[in-house]
Amino acid sequence: KDNHIWSTGSITAAIKQARSVGGFSLLLDVEVTSEAEA
């Protein structure tokens, strides 16, 4: 969500970090507030 993204600097960075520990078995849901973020 917004706090995760602000803390890491970008949506892309947050997703990359989450994937590195979550692996293939967990779905990843990202909250966005605009077309560009989506």
Full PDB file with SEQRES, HELIX, SHEET, SSBOND, CRYST1, ORIGX, SCALE, CONECT and MASTER records, all heavy atoms in Angstrom:
SEQRES   1 A   38  LYS ASP ASN HIS ILE TRP SER THR GLY SER ILE THR ALA          
SEQRES   2 A   38  ALA ILE LYS GLN ALA ARG SER VAL GLY GLY PHE SER LEU          
SEQRES   3 A   38  LEU LEU ASP VAL GLU VAL THR SER GLU ALA GLU ALA              
HELIX    1 AA1 ASP A    2  THR A    8  1                                   7    
HELIX    2 AA2 ILE A   11  GLY A   22  1                                  12    
CRYST1    1.000    1.000    1.000  90.00  90.00  90.00 P 1           1          
ORIGX1      1.000000  0.000000  0.000000        0.00000                         
ORIGX2      0.000000  1.000000  0.000000        0.00000                         
ORIGX3      0.000000  0.000000  1.000000        0.00000                         
SCALE1      1.000000  0.000000  0.000000        0.00000                         
SCALE2      0.000000  1.000000  0.000000        0.00000                         
SCALE3      0.000000  0.000000  1.000000        0.00000                         
ATOM      1  N   LYS A   1       0.830  -1.191   0.000  1.00  0.00           N  
ATOM      2  CA  LYS A   1       0.000   0.000   0.000  1.00  0.00           C  
ATOM      3  C   LYS A   1       0.871   1.251   0.000  1.00  0.00           C  
ATOM      4  O   LYS A   1       2.091   1.161  -0.147  1.00  0.00           O  
ATOM      5  CB  LYS A   1      -0.951  -0.049   1.205  1.00  0.00           C  
ATOM      6  CG  LYS A   1      -1.869  -1.277   1.168  1.00  0.00           C  
ATOM      7  CD  LYS A   1      -2.646  -1.457   2.449  1.00  0.00           C  
ATOM      8  CE  LYS A   1      -3.807  -0.499   2.551  1.00  0.00           C  
ATOM      9  NZ  LYS A   1      -4.895  -0.862   1.618  1.00  0.00           N  
ATOM     10  N   ASP A   2       0.246   2.412   0.165  1.00  0.00           N  
ATOM     11  CA  ASP A   2       0.984   3.678   0.015  1.00  0.00           C  
ATOM     12  C   ASP A   2       2.205   3.782   0.932  1.00  0.00           C  
ATOM     13  O   ASP A   2       3.275   4.241   0.509  1.00  0.00           O  
ATOM     14  CB  ASP A   2       0.050   4.871   0.232  1.00  0.00           C  
ATOM     15  CG  ASP A   2      -0.774   4.764   1.521  1.00  0.00           C  
ATOM     16  OD1 ASP A   2      -0.573   3.804   2.291  1.00  0.00           O  
ATOM     17  OD2 ASP A   2      -1.610   5.659   1.759  1.00  0.00           O  
ATOM     18  N   ASN A   3       2.069   3.313   2.177  1.00  0.00           N  
ATOM     19  CA  ASN A   3       3.194   3.417   3.107  1.00  0.00           C  
ATOM     20  C   ASN A   3       4.393   2.559   2.676  1.00  0.00           C  
ATOM     21  O   ASN A   3       5.552   2.956   2.861  1.00  0.00           O  
ATOM     22  CB  ASN A   3       2.758   3.017   4.515  1.00  0.00           C  
ATOM     23  CG  ASN A   3       1.892   4.077   5.168  1.00  0.00           C  
ATOM     24  OD1 ASN A   3       2.142   5.262   5.012  1.00  0.00           O  
ATOM     25  ND2 ASN A   3       0.867   3.664   5.886  1.00  0.00           N  
ATOM     26  N   HIS A   4       4.103   1.371   2.122  1.00  0.00           N  
ATOM     27  CA  HIS A   4       5.193   0.531   1.622  1.00  0.00           C  
ATOM     28  C   HIS A   4       5.915   1.222   0.459  1.00  0.00           C  
ATOM     29  O   HIS A   4       7.148   1.201   0.370  1.00  0.00           O  
ATOM     30  CB  HIS A   4       4.655  -0.824   1.133  1.00  0.00           C  
ATOM     31  CG  HIS A   4       3.930  -1.614   2.187  1.00  0.00           C  
ATOM     32  ND1 HIS A   4       2.574  -1.560   2.338  1.00  0.00           N  
ATOM     33  CD2 HIS A   4       4.384  -2.477   3.125  1.00  0.00           C  
ATOM     34  CE1 HIS A   4       2.219  -2.363   3.336  1.00  0.00           C  
ATOM     35  NE2 HIS A   4       3.295  -2.917   3.825  1.00  0.00           N  
ATOM     36  N   ILE A   5       5.133   1.817  -0.414  1.00  0.00           N  
ATOM     37  CA  ILE A   5       5.702   2.426  -1.621  1.00  0.00           C  
ATOM     38  C   ILE A   5       6.504   3.669  -1.267  1.00  0.00           C  
ATOM     39  O   ILE A   5       7.627   3.878  -1.754  1.00  0.00           O  
ATOM     40  CB  ILE A   5       4.582   2.741  -2.628  1.00  0.00           C  
ATOM     41  CG1 ILE A   5       3.976   1.413  -3.137  1.00  0.00           C  
ATOM     42  CG2 ILE A   5       5.107   3.567  -3.792  1.00  0.00           C  
ATOM     43  CD1 ILE A   5       2.642   1.553  -3.808  1.00  0.00           C  
ATOM     44  N   TRP A   6       5.971   4.505  -0.377  1.00  0.00           N  
ATOM     45  CA  TRP A   6       6.710   5.697   0.029  1.00  0.00           C  
ATOM     46  C   TRP A   6       8.013   5.324   0.737  1.00  0.00           C  
ATOM     47  O   TRP A   6       9.025   6.002   0.590  1.00  0.00           O  
ATOM     48  CB  TRP A   6       5.855   6.548   0.968  1.00  0.00           C  
ATOM     49  CG  TRP A   6       4.624   7.115   0.325  1.00  0.00           C  
ATOM     50  CD1 TRP A   6       4.429   7.365  -1.005  1.00  0.00           C  
ATOM     51  CD2 TRP A   6       3.413   7.493   0.973  1.00  0.00           C  
ATOM     52  NE1 TRP A   6       3.175   7.864  -1.229  1.00  0.00           N  
ATOM     53  CE2 TRP A   6       2.521   7.959  -0.029  1.00  0.00           C  
ATOM     54  CE3 TRP A   6       2.977   7.491   2.299  1.00  0.00           C  
ATOM     55  CZ2 TRP A   6       1.238   8.414   0.257  1.00  0.00           C  
ATOM     56  CZ3 TRP A   6       1.696   7.949   2.587  1.00  0.00           C  
ATOM     57  CH2 TRP A   6       0.844   8.409   1.586  1.00  0.00           C  
ATOM     58  N   SER A   7       7.963   4.251   1.494  1.00  0.00           N  
ATOM     59  CA  SER A   7       9.149   3.855   2.265  1.00  0.00           C  
ATOM     60  C   SER A   7      10.271   3.322   1.378  1.00  0.00           C  
ATOM     61  O   SER A   7      11.446   3.398   1.745  1.00  0.00           O  
ATOM     62  CB  SER A   7       8.771   2.791   3.294  1.00  0.00           C  
ATOM     63  OG  SER A   7       7.850   3.305   4.234  1.00  0.00           O  
ATOM     64  N   THR A   8       9.911   2.754   0.241  1.00  0.00           N  
ATOM     65  CA  THR A   8      10.932   2.183  -0.644  1.00  0.00           C  
ATOM     66  C   THR A   8      11.272   3.086  -1.820  1.00  0.00           C  
ATOM     67  O   THR A   8      12.255   2.845  -2.528  1.00  0.00           O  
ATOM     68  CB  THR A   8      10.475   0.822  -1.193  1.00  0.00           C  
ATOM     69  OG1 THR A   8       9.176   0.964  -1.794  1.00  0.00           O  
ATOM     70  CG2 THR A   8      10.397  -0.221  -0.090  1.00  0.00           C  
ATOM     71  N   GLY A   9      10.467   4.110  -2.058  1.00  0.00           N  
ATOM     72  CA  GLY A   9      10.784   5.068  -3.108  1.00  0.00           C  
ATOM     73  C   GLY A   9       9.981   4.936  -4.378  1.00  0.00           C  
ATOM     74  O   GLY A   9       9.786   5.911  -5.095  1.00  0.00           O  
ATOM     75  N   SER A  10       9.517   3.717  -4.685  1.00  0.00           N  
ATOM     76  CA  SER A  10       8.725   3.540  -5.912  1.00  0.00           C  
ATOM     77  C   SER A  10       7.970   2.220  -5.857  1.00  0.00           C  
ATOM     78  O   SER A  10       8.307   1.321  -5.077  1.00  0.00           O  
ATOM     79  CB  SER A  10       9.614   3.561  -7.154  1.00  0.00           C  
ATOM     80  OG  SER A  10      10.399   2.383  -7.231  1.00  0.00           O  
ATOM     81  N   ILE A  11       6.964   2.110  -6.709  1.00  0.00           N  
ATOM     82  CA  ILE A  11       6.204   0.862  -6.823  1.00  0.00           C  
ATOM     83  C   ILE A  11       7.124  -0.255  -7.301  1.00  0.00           C  
ATOM     84  O   ILE A  11       7.095  -1.373  -6.770  1.00  0.00           O  
ATOM     85  CB  ILE A  11       5.018   1.047  -7.794  1.00  0.00           C  
ATOM     86  CG1 ILE A  11       3.964   1.962  -7.156  1.00  0.00           C  
ATOM     87  CG2 ILE A  11       4.420  -0.300  -8.181  1.00  0.00           C  
ATOM     88  CD1 ILE A  11       2.845   2.371  -8.085  1.00  0.00           C  
ATOM     89  N   THR A  12       7.933   0.026  -8.283  1.00  0.00           N  
ATOM     90  CA  THR A  12       8.827  -0.987  -8.840  1.00  0.00           C  
ATOM     91  C   THR A  12       9.793  -1.519  -7.787  1.00  0.00           C  
ATOM     92  O   THR A  12      10.004  -2.741  -7.670  1.00  0.00           O  
ATOM     93  CB  THR A  12       9.620  -0.406 -10.028  1.00  0.00           C  
ATOM     94  OG1 THR A  12       8.692   0.054 -11.024  1.00  0.00           O  
ATOM     95  CG2 THR A  12      10.541  -1.453 -10.627  1.00  0.00           C  
ATOM     96  N   ALA A  13      10.375  -0.624  -7.000  1.00  0.00           N  
ATOM     97  CA  ALA A  13      11.320  -1.035  -5.956  1.00  0.00           C  
ATOM     98  C   ALA A  13      10.624  -1.869  -4.887  1.00  0.00           C  
ATOM     99  O   ALA A  13      11.173  -2.869  -4.405  1.00  0.00           O  
ATOM    100  CB  ALA A  13      11.971   0.192  -5.331  1.00  0.00           C  
ATOM    101  N   ALA A  14       9.405  -1.468  -4.523  1.00  0.00           N  
ATOM    102  CA  ALA A  14       8.662  -2.198  -3.493  1.00  0.00           C  
ATOM    103  C   ALA A  14       8.324  -3.613  -3.964  1.00  0.00           C  
ATOM    104  O   ALA A  14       8.459  -4.591  -3.216  1.00  0.00           O  
ATOM    105  CB  ALA A  14       7.392  -1.438  -3.133  1.00  0.00           C  
ATOM    106  N   ILE A  15       7.907  -3.732  -5.218  1.00  0.00           N  
ATOM    107  CA  ILE A  15       7.576  -5.047  -5.773  1.00  0.00           C  
ATOM    108  C   ILE A  15       8.821  -5.930  -5.836  1.00  0.00           C  
ATOM    109  O   ILE A  15       8.777  -7.122  -5.490  1.00  0.00           O  
ATOM    110  CB  ILE A  15       6.932  -4.903  -7.165  1.00  0.00           C  
ATOM    111  CG1 ILE A  15       5.526  -4.312  -7.029  1.00  0.00           C  
ATOM    112  CG2 ILE A  15       6.873  -6.255  -7.891  1.00  0.00           C  
ATOM    113  CD1 ILE A  15       4.827  -4.050  -8.345  1.00  0.00           C  
ATOM    114  N   LYS A  16       9.938  -5.358  -6.262  1.00  0.00           N  
ATOM    115  CA  LYS A  16      11.183  -6.130  -6.365  1.00  0.00           C  
ATOM    116  C   LYS A  16      11.602  -6.682  -5.004  1.00  0.00           C  
ATOM    117  O   LYS A  16      11.975  -7.854  -4.882  1.00  0.00           O  
ATOM    118  CB  LYS A  16      12.289  -5.256  -6.947  1.00  0.00           C  
ATOM    119  CG  LYS A  16      13.608  -5.992  -7.162  1.00  0.00           C  
ATOM    120  CD  LYS A  16      14.650  -5.088  -7.802  1.00  0.00           C  
ATOM    121  CE  LYS A  16      15.965  -5.836  -8.027  1.00  0.00           C  
ATOM    122  NZ  LYS A  16      16.986  -4.949  -8.649  1.00  0.00           N  
ATOM    123  N   GLN A  17      11.526  -5.847  -3.972  1.00  0.00           N  
ATOM    124  CA  GLN A  17      11.914  -6.298  -2.637  1.00  0.00           C  
ATOM    125  C   GLN A  17      10.962  -7.367  -2.110  1.00  0.00           C  
ATOM    126  O   GLN A  17      11.390  -8.355  -1.502  1.00  0.00           O  
ATOM    127  CB  GLN A  17      11.953  -5.105  -1.676  1.00  0.00           C  
ATOM    128  CG  GLN A  17      13.123  -4.167  -1.917  1.00  0.00           C  
ATOM    129  CD  GLN A  17      13.249  -3.125  -0.810  1.00  0.00           C  
ATOM    130  OE1 GLN A  17      12.999  -3.418   0.351  1.00  0.00           O  
ATOM    131  NE2 GLN A  17      13.628  -1.912  -1.172  1.00  0.00           N  
ATOM    132  N   ALA A  18       9.668  -7.165  -2.345  1.00  0.00           N  
ATOM    133  CA  ALA A  18       8.674  -8.131  -1.868  1.00  0.00           C  
ATOM    134  C   ALA A  18       8.853  -9.487  -2.550  1.00  0.00           C  
ATOM    135  O   ALA A  18       8.776 -10.540  -1.906  1.00  0.00           O  
ATOM    136  CB  ALA A  18       7.272  -7.596  -2.112  1.00  0.00           C  
ATOM    137  N   ARG A  19       9.106  -9.475  -3.855  1.00  0.00           N  
ATOM    138  CA  ARG A  19       9.297 -10.720  -4.605  1.00  0.00           C  
ATOM    139  C   ARG A  19      10.535 -11.480  -4.124  1.00  0.00           C  
ATOM    140  O   ARG A  19      10.561 -12.712  -4.126  1.00  0.00           O  
ATOM    141  CB  ARG A  19       9.446 -10.425  -6.088  1.00  0.00           C  
ATOM    142  CG  ARG A  19       8.171 -10.080  -6.805  1.00  0.00           C  
ATOM    143  CD  ARG A  19       7.251 -11.259  -6.941  1.00  0.00           C  
ATOM    144  NE  ARG A  19       6.114 -10.961  -7.809  1.00  0.00           N  
ATOM    145  CZ  ARG A  19       4.944 -11.562  -7.735  1.00  0.00           C  
ATOM    146  NH1 ARG A  19       4.737 -12.479  -6.801  1.00  0.00           N  
ATOM    147  NH2 ARG A  19       3.976 -11.252  -8.563  1.00  0.00           N  
ATOM    148  N   SER A  20      11.547 -10.749  -3.679  1.00  0.00           N  
ATOM    149  CA  SER A  20      12.803 -11.397  -3.282  1.00  0.00           C  
ATOM    150  C   SER A  20      12.627 -12.272  -2.046  1.00  0.00           C  
ATOM    151  O   SER A  20      13.395 -13.205  -1.830  1.00  0.00           O  
ATOM    152  CB  SER A  20      13.883 -10.337  -3.025  1.00  0.00           C  
ATOM    153  OG  SER A  20      13.615  -9.599  -1.842  1.00  0.00           O  
ATOM    154  N   VAL A  21      11.622 -11.977  -1.221  1.00  0.00           N  
ATOM    155  CA  VAL A  21      11.392 -12.784  -0.014  1.00  0.00           C  
ATOM    156  C   VAL A  21      10.101 -13.595  -0.091  1.00  0.00           C  
ATOM    157  O   VAL A  21       9.980 -14.655   0.523  1.00  0.00           O  
ATOM    158  CB  VAL A  21      11.377 -11.897   1.258  1.00  0.00           C  
ATOM    159  CG1 VAL A  21      12.762 -11.344   1.533  1.00  0.00           C  
ATOM    160  CG2 VAL A  21      10.353 -10.766   1.145  1.00  0.00           C  
ATOM    161  N   GLY A  22       9.131 -13.121  -0.856  1.00  0.00           N  
ATOM    162  CA  GLY A  22       7.846 -13.819  -0.941  1.00  0.00           C  
ATOM    163  C   GLY A  22       7.862 -15.023  -1.851  1.00  0.00           C  
ATOM    164  O   GLY A  22       7.059 -15.941  -1.693  1.00  0.00           O  
ATOM    165  N   GLY A  23       8.765 -15.008  -2.815  1.00  0.00           N  
ATOM    166  CA  GLY A  23       8.867 -16.143  -3.729  1.00  0.00           C  
ATOM    167  C   GLY A  23       7.686 -16.272  -4.675  1.00  0.00           C  
ATOM    168  O   GLY A  23       6.879 -15.358  -4.831  1.00  0.00           O  
ATOM    169  N   PHE A  24       7.576 -17.460  -5.278  1.00  0.00           N  
ATOM    170  CA  PHE A  24       6.572 -17.676  -6.318  1.00  0.00           C  
ATOM    171  C   PHE A  24       5.188 -18.016  -5.761  1.00  0.00           C  
ATOM    172  O   PHE A  24       4.190 -17.938  -6.467  1.00  0.00           O  
ATOM    173  CB  PHE A  24       7.019 -18.827  -7.238  1.00  0.00           C  
ATOM    174  CG  PHE A  24       6.954 -20.175  -6.590  1.00  0.00           C  
ATOM    175  CD1 PHE A  24       5.801 -20.953  -6.676  1.00  0.00           C  
ATOM    176  CD2 PHE A  24       8.038 -20.681  -5.870  1.00  0.00           C  
ATOM    177  CE1 PHE A  24       5.737 -22.198  -6.055  1.00  0.00           C  
ATOM    178  CE2 PHE A  24       7.974 -21.908  -5.256  1.00  0.00           C  
ATOM    179  CZ  PHE A  24       6.824 -22.678  -5.347  1.00  0.00           C  
ATOM    180  N   SER A  25       5.116 -18.416  -4.491  1.00  0.00           N  
ATOM    181  CA  SER A  25       3.870 -18.989  -3.980  1.00  0.00           C  
ATOM    182  C   SER A  25       2.885 -17.959  -3.440  1.00  0.00           C  
ATOM    183  O   SER A  25       1.734 -18.300  -3.158  1.00  0.00           O  
ATOM    184  CB  SER A  25       4.181 -20.011  -2.879  1.00  0.00           C  
ATOM    185  OG  SER A  25       4.803 -19.376  -1.769  1.00  0.00           O  
ATOM    186  N   LEU A  26       3.322 -16.703  -3.294  1.00  0.00           N  
ATOM    187  CA  LEU A  26       2.431 -15.672  -2.765  1.00  0.00           C  
ATOM    188  C   LEU A  26       2.031 -14.687  -3.853  1.00  0.00           C  
ATOM    189  O   LEU A  26       2.865 -14.162  -4.584  1.00  0.00           O  
ATOM    190  CB  LEU A  26       3.118 -14.914  -1.624  1.00  0.00           C  
ATOM    191  CG  LEU A  26       3.308 -15.652  -0.304  1.00  0.00           C  
ATOM    192  CD1 LEU A  26       4.093 -14.789   0.673  1.00  0.00           C  
ATOM    193  CD2 LEU A  26       1.960 -16.028   0.299  1.00  0.00           C  
ATOM    194  N   LEU A  27       0.720 -14.414  -3.935  1.00  0.00           N  
ATOM    195  CA  LEU A  27       0.247 -13.374  -4.841  1.00  0.00           C  
ATOM    196  C   LEU A  27       0.663 -12.008  -4.298  1.00  0.00           C  
ATOM    197  O   LEU A  27       0.815 -11.811  -3.096  1.00  0.00           O  
ATOM    198  CB  LEU A  27      -1.270 -13.430  -4.976  1.00  0.00           C  
ATOM    199  CG  LEU A  27      -1.851 -14.642  -5.703  1.00  0.00           C  
ATOM    200  CD1 LEU A  27      -3.368 -14.597  -5.666  1.00  0.00           C  
ATOM    201  CD2 LEU A  27      -1.361 -14.692  -7.142  1.00  0.00           C  
ATOM    202  N   LEU A  28       0.819 -11.055  -5.214  1.00  0.00           N  
ATOM    203  CA  LEU A  28       1.248  -9.715  -4.847  1.00  0.00           C  
ATOM    204  C   LEU A  28       0.206  -8.711  -5.316  1.00  0.00           C  
ATOM    205  O   LEU A  28      -0.083  -8.591  -6.504  1.00  0.00           O  
ATOM    206  CB  LEU A  28       2.605  -9.420  -5.473  1.00  0.00           C  
ATOM    207  CG  LEU A  28       3.441  -8.328  -4.807  1.00  0.00           C  
ATOM    208  CD1 LEU A  28       4.909  -8.507  -5.146  1.00  0.00           C  
ATOM    209  CD2 LEU A  28       2.979  -6.937  -5.207  1.00  0.00           C  
ATOM    210  N   ASP A  29      -0.401  -8.009  -4.355  1.00  0.00           N  
ATOM    211  CA  ASP A  29      -1.467  -7.038  -4.601  1.00  0.00           C  
ATOM    212  C   ASP A  29      -0.902  -5.651  -4.318  1.00  0.00           C  
ATOM    213  O   ASP A  29      -0.364  -5.399  -3.239  1.00  0.00           O  
ATOM    214  CB  ASP A  29      -2.647  -7.350  -3.669  1.00  0.00           C  
ATOM    215  CG  ASP A  29      -3.918  -6.601  -4.042  1.00  0.00           C  
ATOM    216  OD1 ASP A  29      -3.833  -5.569  -4.725  1.00  0.00           O  
ATOM    217  OD2 ASP A  29      -5.007  -7.040  -3.617  1.00  0.00           O  
ATOM    218  N   VAL A  30      -1.028  -4.743  -5.274  1.00  0.00           N  
ATOM    219  CA  VAL A  30      -0.450  -3.398  -5.124  1.00  0.00           C  
ATOM    220  C   VAL A  30      -1.553  -2.349  -5.227  1.00  0.00           C  
ATOM    221  O   VAL A  30      -2.320  -2.329  -6.187  1.00  0.00           O  
ATOM    222  CB  VAL A  30       0.625  -3.128  -6.190  1.00  0.00           C  
ATOM    223  CG1 VAL A  30       1.214  -1.731  -6.004  1.00  0.00           C  
ATOM    224  CG2 VAL A  30       1.727  -4.176  -6.122  1.00  0.00           C  
ATOM    225  N   GLU A  31      -1.597  -1.474  -4.228  1.00  0.00           N  
ATOM    226  CA  GLU A  31      -2.577  -0.383  -4.213  1.00  0.00           C  
ATOM    227  C   GLU A  31      -2.048   0.798  -5.017  1.00  0.00           C  
ATOM    228  O   GLU A  31      -0.919   1.245  -4.809  1.00  0.00           O  
ATOM    229  CB  GLU A  31      -2.838   0.035  -2.769  1.00  0.00           C  
ATOM    230  CG  GLU A  31      -3.818   1.199  -2.630  1.00  0.00           C  
ATOM    231  CD  GLU A  31      -3.901   1.683  -1.195  1.00  0.00           C  
ATOM    232  OE1 GLU A  31      -3.050   2.513  -0.788  1.00  0.00           O  
ATOM    233  OE2 GLU A  31      -4.795   1.223  -0.475  1.00  0.00           O  
ATOM    234  N   VAL A  32      -2.875   1.318  -5.928  1.00  0.00           N  
ATOM    235  CA  VAL A  32      -2.495   2.480  -6.734  1.00  0.00           C  
ATOM    236  C   VAL A  32      -3.635   3.497  -6.729  1.00  0.00           C  
ATOM    237  O   VAL A  32      -4.779   3.161  -6.434  1.00  0.00           O  
ATOM    238  CB  VAL A  32      -2.161   2.079  -8.187  1.00  0.00           C  
ATOM    239  CG1 VAL A  32      -1.023   1.065  -8.215  1.00  0.00           C  
ATOM    240  CG2 VAL A  32      -3.387   1.518  -8.901  1.00  0.00           C  
ATOM    241  N   THR A  33      -3.293   4.731  -7.082  1.00  0.00           N  
ATOM    242  CA  THR A  33      -4.307   5.791  -7.067  1.00  0.00           C  
ATOM    243  C   THR A  33      -4.416   6.530  -8.401  1.00  0.00           C  
ATOM    244  O   THR A  33      -5.121   7.533  -8.501  1.00  0.00           O  
ATOM    245  CB  THR A  33      -3.989   6.816  -5.960  1.00  0.00           C  
ATOM    246  OG1 THR A  33      -2.680   7.359  -6.176  1.00  0.00           O  
ATOM    247  CG2 THR A  33      -4.050   6.155  -4.583  1.00  0.00           C  
ATOM    248  N   SER A  34      -3.710   6.032  -9.428  1.00  0.00           N  
ATOM    249  CA  SER A  34      -3.758   6.690 -10.734  1.00  0.00           C  
ATOM    250  C   SER A  34      -3.451   5.691 -11.838  1.00  0.00           C  
ATOM    251  O   SER A  34      -2.939   4.594 -11.586  1.00  0.00           O  
ATOM    252  CB  SER A  34      -2.747   7.840 -10.797  1.00  0.00           C  
ATOM    253  OG  SER A  34      -1.423   7.331 -10.786  1.00  0.00           O  
ATOM    254  N   GLU A  35      -3.718   6.098 -13.072  1.00  0.00           N  
ATOM    255  CA  GLU A  35      -3.415   5.243 -14.224  1.00  0.00           C  
ATOM    256  C   GLU A  35      -1.913   4.993 -14.323  1.00  0.00           C  
ATOM    257  O   GLU A  35      -1.484   3.865 -14.610  1.00  0.00           O  
ATOM    258  CB  GLU A  35      -3.925   5.901 -15.503  1.00  0.00           C  
ATOM    259  CG  GLU A  35      -3.630   5.085 -16.751  1.00  0.00           C  
ATOM    260  CD  GLU A  35      -4.060   5.788 -18.026  1.00  0.00           C  
ATOM    261  OE1 GLU A  35      -5.000   6.613 -17.966  1.00  0.00           O  
ATOM    262  OE2 GLU A  35      -3.449   5.515 -19.084  1.00  0.00           O  
ATOM    263  N   ALA A  36      -1.110   6.015 -14.093  1.00  0.00           N  
ATOM    264  CA  ALA A  36       0.345   5.879 -14.210  1.00  0.00           C  
ATOM    265  C   ALA A  36       0.876   4.872 -13.191  1.00  0.00           C  
ATOM    266  O   ALA A  36       1.742   4.047 -13.508  1.00  0.00           O  
ATOM    267  CB  ALA A  36       1.013   7.229 -14.014  1.00  0.00           C  
ATOM    268  N   GLU A  37       0.374   4.943 -11.954  1.00  0.00           N  
ATOM    269  CA  GLU A  37       0.808   4.001 -10.927  1.00  0.00           C  
ATOM    270  C   GLU A  37       0.368   2.581 -11.268  1.00  0.00           C  
ATOM    271  O   GLU A  37       1.124   1.627 -11.066  1.00  0.00           O  
ATOM    272  CB  GLU A  37       0.252   4.415  -9.568  1.00  0.00           C  
ATOM    273  CG  GLU A  37       0.877   5.667  -8.993  1.00  0.00           C  
ATOM    274  CD  GLU A  37       0.324   6.030  -7.629  1.00  0.00           C  
ATOM    275  OE1 GLU A  37      -0.650   5.378  -7.178  1.00  0.00           O  
ATOM    276  OE2 GLU A  37       0.855   6.955  -7.005  1.00  0.00           O  
ATOM    277  N   ALA A  38      -0.844   2.436 -11.797  1.00  0.00           N  
ATOM    278  CA  ALA A  38      -1.339   1.111 -12.182  1.00  0.00           C  
ATOM    279  C   ALA A  38      -0.468   0.525 -13.296  1.00  0.00           C  
ATOM    280  O   ALA A  38      -0.116  -0.662 -13.275  1.00  0.00           O  
ATOM    281  CB  ALA A  38      -2.792   1.208 -12.639  1.00  0.00           C  
TER     282      ALA A  38                                                      
MASTER        0    0    0    2    0    0    0    6  281    1    0    3          
END                                                                             
